Amino acid sequence: MGLPNGRRYADYDGPVSVRDQVIGMVRALTRPRPRRRLHPDDTGEGYVLNREMGWWTVRPVTGSGSRRWISKPKYATHSIPGNDREAALTWMGTLLGLY
């Protein structure tokens, strides 16, 4: 069950219907999600920067807040332009106390 007109998620640039959101939520909750580890010493904790629906968002890597479309992000901003990833990374680092 995909998006309307057989488009893939990366090609779709429009509103997402409630039906598609519910289907996505059911799939996300019923399918096991593999734990991502890049290194044996990696704990899996941390945050990731994403661009979602015109917002820059900061979400935890694991846990309930890591699910897109289902849970609210930890932090979000609409004031940084979408093409300025460096400014978004600086914003994220400032929020997390890295800078």
N, C-alpha and C. Protein backbone atom coordinates (compact mmCIF):
# COMPACT_ATOMS: atom_id res chain seq x y z
N MET A 1 0.84 -1.17 0.00
CA MET A 1 0.00 0.00 0.00
C MET A 1 0.89 1.22 0.00
N GLY A 2 1.00 1.89 -1.06
CA GLY A 2 1.90 3.03 -1.16
C GLY A 2 1.15 4.33 -1.16
N LEU A 3 1.83 5.34 -1.58
CA LEU A 3 1.23 6.65 -1.69
C LEU A 3 0.39 6.72 -2.96
N PRO A 4 -0.50 7.70 -3.07
CA PRO A 4 -1.37 7.80 -4.24
C PRO A 4 -0.58 7.85 -5.55
N ASN A 5 -1.14 7.34 -6.58
CA ASN A 5 -0.58 7.34 -7.93
C ASN A 5 0.70 6.53 -8.05
N GLY A 6 0.95 5.63 -7.12
CA GLY A 6 2.11 4.76 -7.21
C GLY A 6 3.44 5.46 -7.01
N ARG A 7 3.44 6.65 -6.43
CA ARG A 7 4.68 7.39 -6.22
C ARG A 7 5.43 6.82 -5.02
N ARG A 8 6.73 6.89 -5.07
CA ARG A 8 7.53 6.50 -3.92
C ARG A 8 7.60 7.67 -2.95
N TYR A 9 7.94 7.38 -1.70
CA TYR A 9 7.93 8.43 -0.68
C TYR A 9 8.88 9.57 -1.00
N ALA A 10 9.99 9.31 -1.66
CA ALA A 10 10.95 10.37 -1.95
C ALA A 10 10.46 11.28 -3.08
N ASP A 11 9.55 10.79 -3.91
CA ASP A 11 9.05 11.57 -5.04
C ASP A 11 7.80 12.35 -4.69
N TYR A 12 7.19 12.09 -3.57
CA TYR A 12 5.90 12.69 -3.23
C TYR A 12 6.12 14.02 -2.52
N ASP A 13 5.55 15.07 -3.05
CA ASP A 13 5.72 16.40 -2.48
C ASP A 13 4.36 17.04 -2.33
N GLY A 14 3.60 16.59 -1.36
CA GLY A 14 2.27 17.12 -1.15
C GLY A 14 1.75 16.70 0.21
N PRO A 15 0.49 16.97 0.48
CA PRO A 15 -0.06 16.60 1.78
C PRO A 15 -0.20 15.08 1.91
N VAL A 16 0.00 14.59 3.12
CA VAL A 16 -0.13 13.17 3.40
C VAL A 16 -1.50 12.98 4.04
N SER A 17 -2.29 12.06 3.50
CA SER A 17 -3.63 11.86 4.01
C SER A 17 -3.59 11.18 5.38
N VAL A 18 -4.68 11.30 6.11
CA VAL A 18 -4.77 10.67 7.43
C VAL A 18 -4.67 9.16 7.28
N ARG A 19 -5.23 8.63 6.22
CA ARG A 19 -5.17 7.19 5.97
C ARG A 19 -3.72 6.72 5.83
N ASP A 20 -2.92 7.45 5.06
CA ASP A 20 -1.51 7.09 4.89
C ASP A 20 -0.72 7.26 6.19
N GLN A 21 -1.07 8.25 7.00
CA GLN A 21 -0.41 8.42 8.29
C GLN A 21 -0.71 7.26 9.22
N VAL A 22 -1.98 6.82 9.22
CA VAL A 22 -2.36 5.69 10.08
C VAL A 22 -1.67 4.42 9.61
N ILE A 23 -1.61 4.19 8.31
CA ILE A 23 -0.92 3.01 7.79
C ILE A 23 0.55 3.05 8.16
N GLY A 24 1.19 4.21 8.04
CA GLY A 24 2.59 4.35 8.41
C GLY A 24 2.81 4.11 9.90
N MET A 25 1.90 4.60 10.73
CA MET A 25 2.03 4.40 12.16
C MET A 25 1.89 2.92 12.53
N VAL A 26 0.92 2.24 11.92
CA VAL A 26 0.73 0.81 12.19
C VAL A 26 1.95 0.02 11.75
N ARG A 27 2.49 0.33 10.59
CA ARG A 27 3.70 -0.36 10.12
C ARG A 27 4.88 -0.11 11.04
N ALA A 28 5.03 1.15 11.49
CA ALA A 28 6.17 1.48 12.36
C ALA A 28 6.08 0.78 13.70
N LEU A 29 4.86 0.60 14.21
CA LEU A 29 4.70 -0.02 15.52
C LEU A 29 4.70 -1.55 15.48
N THR A 30 4.34 -2.13 14.35
CA THR A 30 4.25 -3.59 14.28
C THR A 30 5.51 -4.25 13.77
N ARG A 31 6.35 -3.52 13.07
CA ARG A 31 7.58 -4.11 12.54
C ARG A 31 8.74 -3.84 13.48
N PRO A 32 9.54 -4.85 13.74
CA PRO A 32 10.70 -4.61 14.61
C PRO A 32 11.71 -3.69 13.92
N ARG A 33 12.28 -2.82 14.69
CA ARG A 33 13.26 -1.89 14.15
C ARG A 33 14.64 -2.33 14.60
N PRO A 34 15.52 -2.61 13.65
CA PRO A 34 16.86 -3.05 14.05
C PRO A 34 17.61 -1.94 14.78
N ARG A 35 18.36 -2.32 15.76
CA ARG A 35 19.16 -1.35 16.50
C ARG A 35 20.39 -1.01 15.69
N ARG A 36 20.56 0.29 15.40
CA ARG A 36 21.69 0.73 14.58
C ARG A 36 22.91 0.95 15.46
N ARG A 37 23.97 0.25 15.13
CA ARG A 37 25.24 0.46 15.81
C ARG A 37 26.34 0.56 14.76
N LEU A 38 27.11 1.60 14.86
CA LEU A 38 28.19 1.80 13.91
C LEU A 38 29.50 1.25 14.42
N HIS A 39 29.64 1.13 15.73
CA HIS A 39 30.88 0.69 16.34
C HIS A 39 30.51 -0.12 17.59
N PRO A 40 31.30 -1.13 17.95
CA PRO A 40 30.96 -1.92 19.14
C PRO A 40 30.84 -1.10 20.43
N ASP A 41 31.55 0.01 20.52
CA ASP A 41 31.48 0.85 21.71
C ASP A 41 30.34 1.88 21.66
N ASP A 42 29.61 1.92 20.55
CA ASP A 42 28.52 2.87 20.40
C ASP A 42 27.34 2.43 21.26
N THR A 43 26.84 3.34 22.09
CA THR A 43 25.72 3.02 22.98
C THR A 43 24.37 3.20 22.30
N GLY A 44 24.34 3.85 21.16
CA GLY A 44 23.08 4.10 20.48
C GLY A 44 22.36 5.33 20.98
N GLU A 45 22.95 6.02 21.95
CA GLU A 45 22.34 7.23 22.48
C GLU A 45 22.85 8.42 21.67
N GLY A 46 22.08 9.45 21.65
CA GLY A 46 22.47 10.65 20.92
C GLY A 46 21.29 11.23 20.18
N TYR A 47 21.57 12.19 19.33
CA TYR A 47 20.51 12.89 18.61
C TYR A 47 20.87 12.97 17.13
N VAL A 48 19.84 13.11 16.31
CA VAL A 48 20.03 13.22 14.87
C VAL A 48 19.23 14.42 14.36
N LEU A 49 19.80 15.11 13.38
CA LEU A 49 19.17 16.28 12.78
C LEU A 49 18.46 15.86 11.49
N ASN A 50 17.19 16.22 11.36
CA ASN A 50 16.40 15.89 10.17
C ASN A 50 15.69 17.12 9.66
N ARG A 51 15.31 17.06 8.40
CA ARG A 51 14.45 18.08 7.80
C ARG A 51 13.10 17.43 7.59
N GLU A 52 12.07 17.90 8.31
CA GLU A 52 10.74 17.30 8.25
C GLU A 52 9.68 18.38 8.01
N MET A 53 8.97 18.26 6.95
CA MET A 53 7.83 19.12 6.66
C MET A 53 8.15 20.61 6.80
N GLY A 54 9.33 21.02 6.33
CA GLY A 54 9.71 22.43 6.39
C GLY A 54 10.36 22.84 7.69
N TRP A 55 10.54 21.93 8.62
CA TRP A 55 11.16 22.21 9.90
C TRP A 55 12.49 21.47 10.00
N TRP A 56 13.46 22.05 10.70
CA TRP A 56 14.63 21.32 11.12
C TRP A 56 14.28 20.74 12.48
N THR A 57 14.45 19.45 12.64
CA THR A 57 14.10 18.80 13.90
C THR A 57 15.30 18.05 14.47
N VAL A 58 15.33 17.95 15.78
CA VAL A 58 16.33 17.17 16.50
C VAL A 58 15.58 16.08 17.25
N ARG A 59 15.93 14.82 16.95
CA ARG A 59 15.29 13.68 17.58
C ARG A 59 16.34 12.77 18.19
N PRO A 60 15.98 12.04 19.26
CA PRO A 60 16.90 11.04 19.77
C PRO A 60 17.07 9.90 18.77
N VAL A 61 18.21 9.23 18.82
CA VAL A 61 18.46 8.13 17.89
C VAL A 61 17.58 6.94 18.21
N THR A 62 17.37 6.66 19.49
CA THR A 62 16.54 5.52 19.89
C THR A 62 15.45 6.02 20.83
N GLY A 63 14.48 5.17 21.09
CA GLY A 63 13.41 5.48 22.02
C GLY A 63 12.15 5.96 21.32
N SER A 64 11.18 6.35 22.13
CA SER A 64 9.88 6.71 21.58
C SER A 64 9.92 8.01 20.78
N GLY A 65 10.79 8.92 21.09
CA GLY A 65 10.87 10.18 20.36
C GLY A 65 11.56 10.09 19.02
N SER A 66 12.12 8.92 18.70
CA SER A 66 12.86 8.78 17.45
C SER A 66 11.96 8.49 16.25
N ARG A 67 10.72 8.19 16.47
CA ARG A 67 9.80 7.84 15.38
C ARG A 67 9.23 9.08 14.70
N ARG A 68 9.54 9.24 13.42
CA ARG A 68 8.98 10.35 12.66
C ARG A 68 7.50 10.09 12.42
N TRP A 69 6.71 11.16 12.33
CA TRP A 69 5.28 11.16 12.05
C TRP A 69 4.46 10.65 13.22
N ILE A 70 5.09 10.10 14.24
CA ILE A 70 4.32 9.55 15.36
C ILE A 70 4.51 10.39 16.61
N SER A 71 5.74 10.77 16.89
CA SER A 71 6.02 11.51 18.11
C SER A 71 6.59 12.88 17.79
N LYS A 72 6.48 13.78 18.76
CA LYS A 72 7.02 15.12 18.59
C LYS A 72 8.54 15.06 18.69
N PRO A 73 9.23 15.89 17.93
CA PRO A 73 10.69 15.94 18.06
C PRO A 73 11.08 16.61 19.37
N LYS A 74 12.30 16.37 19.78
CA LYS A 74 12.82 17.00 21.00
C LYS A 74 12.90 18.51 20.82
N TYR A 75 13.45 18.95 19.68
CA TYR A 75 13.54 20.36 19.33
C TYR A 75 13.16 20.53 17.87
N ALA A 76 12.62 21.70 17.53
CA ALA A 76 12.26 21.99 16.14
C ALA A 76 12.35 23.49 15.91
N THR A 77 12.74 23.87 14.70
CA THR A 77 12.78 25.29 14.34
C THR A 77 12.38 25.46 12.88
N HIS A 78 11.71 26.55 12.63
CA HIS A 78 11.29 26.90 11.28
C HIS A 78 12.06 28.12 10.78
N SER A 79 12.92 28.67 11.64
CA SER A 79 13.58 29.93 11.30
C SER A 79 14.84 29.76 10.45
N ILE A 80 15.34 28.54 10.32
CA ILE A 80 16.55 28.30 9.52
C ILE A 80 16.12 27.80 8.14
N PRO A 81 16.64 28.39 7.06
CA PRO A 81 16.26 27.95 5.72
C PRO A 81 16.63 26.48 5.47
N GLY A 82 15.89 25.84 4.61
CA GLY A 82 16.08 24.42 4.34
C GLY A 82 17.41 24.08 3.69
N ASN A 83 18.01 25.02 2.99
CA ASN A 83 19.26 24.73 2.30
C ASN A 83 20.50 25.07 3.14
N ASP A 84 20.32 25.48 4.38
CA ASP A 84 21.43 25.88 5.24
C ASP A 84 21.65 24.85 6.35
N ARG A 85 22.20 23.71 5.97
CA ARG A 85 22.42 22.63 6.93
C ARG A 85 23.48 22.99 7.98
N GLU A 86 24.47 23.77 7.59
CA GLU A 86 25.52 24.17 8.54
C GLU A 86 24.93 25.00 9.69
N ALA A 87 24.02 25.92 9.36
CA ALA A 87 23.37 26.72 10.40
C ALA A 87 22.51 25.83 11.29
N ALA A 88 21.86 24.83 10.69
CA ALA A 88 21.04 23.91 11.48
C ALA A 88 21.90 23.07 12.41
N LEU A 89 23.07 22.63 11.94
CA LEU A 89 23.98 21.87 12.80
C LEU A 89 24.50 22.74 13.95
N THR A 90 24.79 24.00 13.68
CA THR A 90 25.23 24.91 14.73
C THR A 90 24.11 25.12 15.75
N TRP A 91 22.88 25.27 15.27
CA TRP A 91 21.71 25.42 16.15
C TRP A 91 21.55 24.19 17.03
N MET A 92 21.69 23.00 16.45
CA MET A 92 21.56 21.76 17.20
C MET A 92 22.67 21.65 18.25
N GLY A 93 23.90 21.97 17.87
CA GLY A 93 25.02 21.92 18.81
C GLY A 93 24.84 22.88 19.97
N THR A 94 24.29 24.05 19.70
CA THR A 94 24.04 25.02 20.76
C THR A 94 22.97 24.52 21.73
N LEU A 95 21.91 23.92 21.18
CA LEU A 95 20.85 23.38 22.04
C LEU A 95 21.34 22.26 22.93
N LEU A 96 22.18 21.41 22.40
CA LEU A 96 22.66 20.25 23.13
C LEU A 96 23.88 20.57 24.01
N GLY A 97 24.33 21.81 23.97
CA GLY A 97 25.44 22.23 24.81
C GLY A 97 26.81 21.78 24.31
N LEU A 98 26.92 21.56 23.00
CA LEU A 98 28.19 21.15 22.44
C LEU A 98 29.10 22.32 22.10
N TYR A 99 28.50 23.49 21.88
CA TYR A 99 29.26 24.69 21.53
C TYR A 99 29.18 25.69 22.65
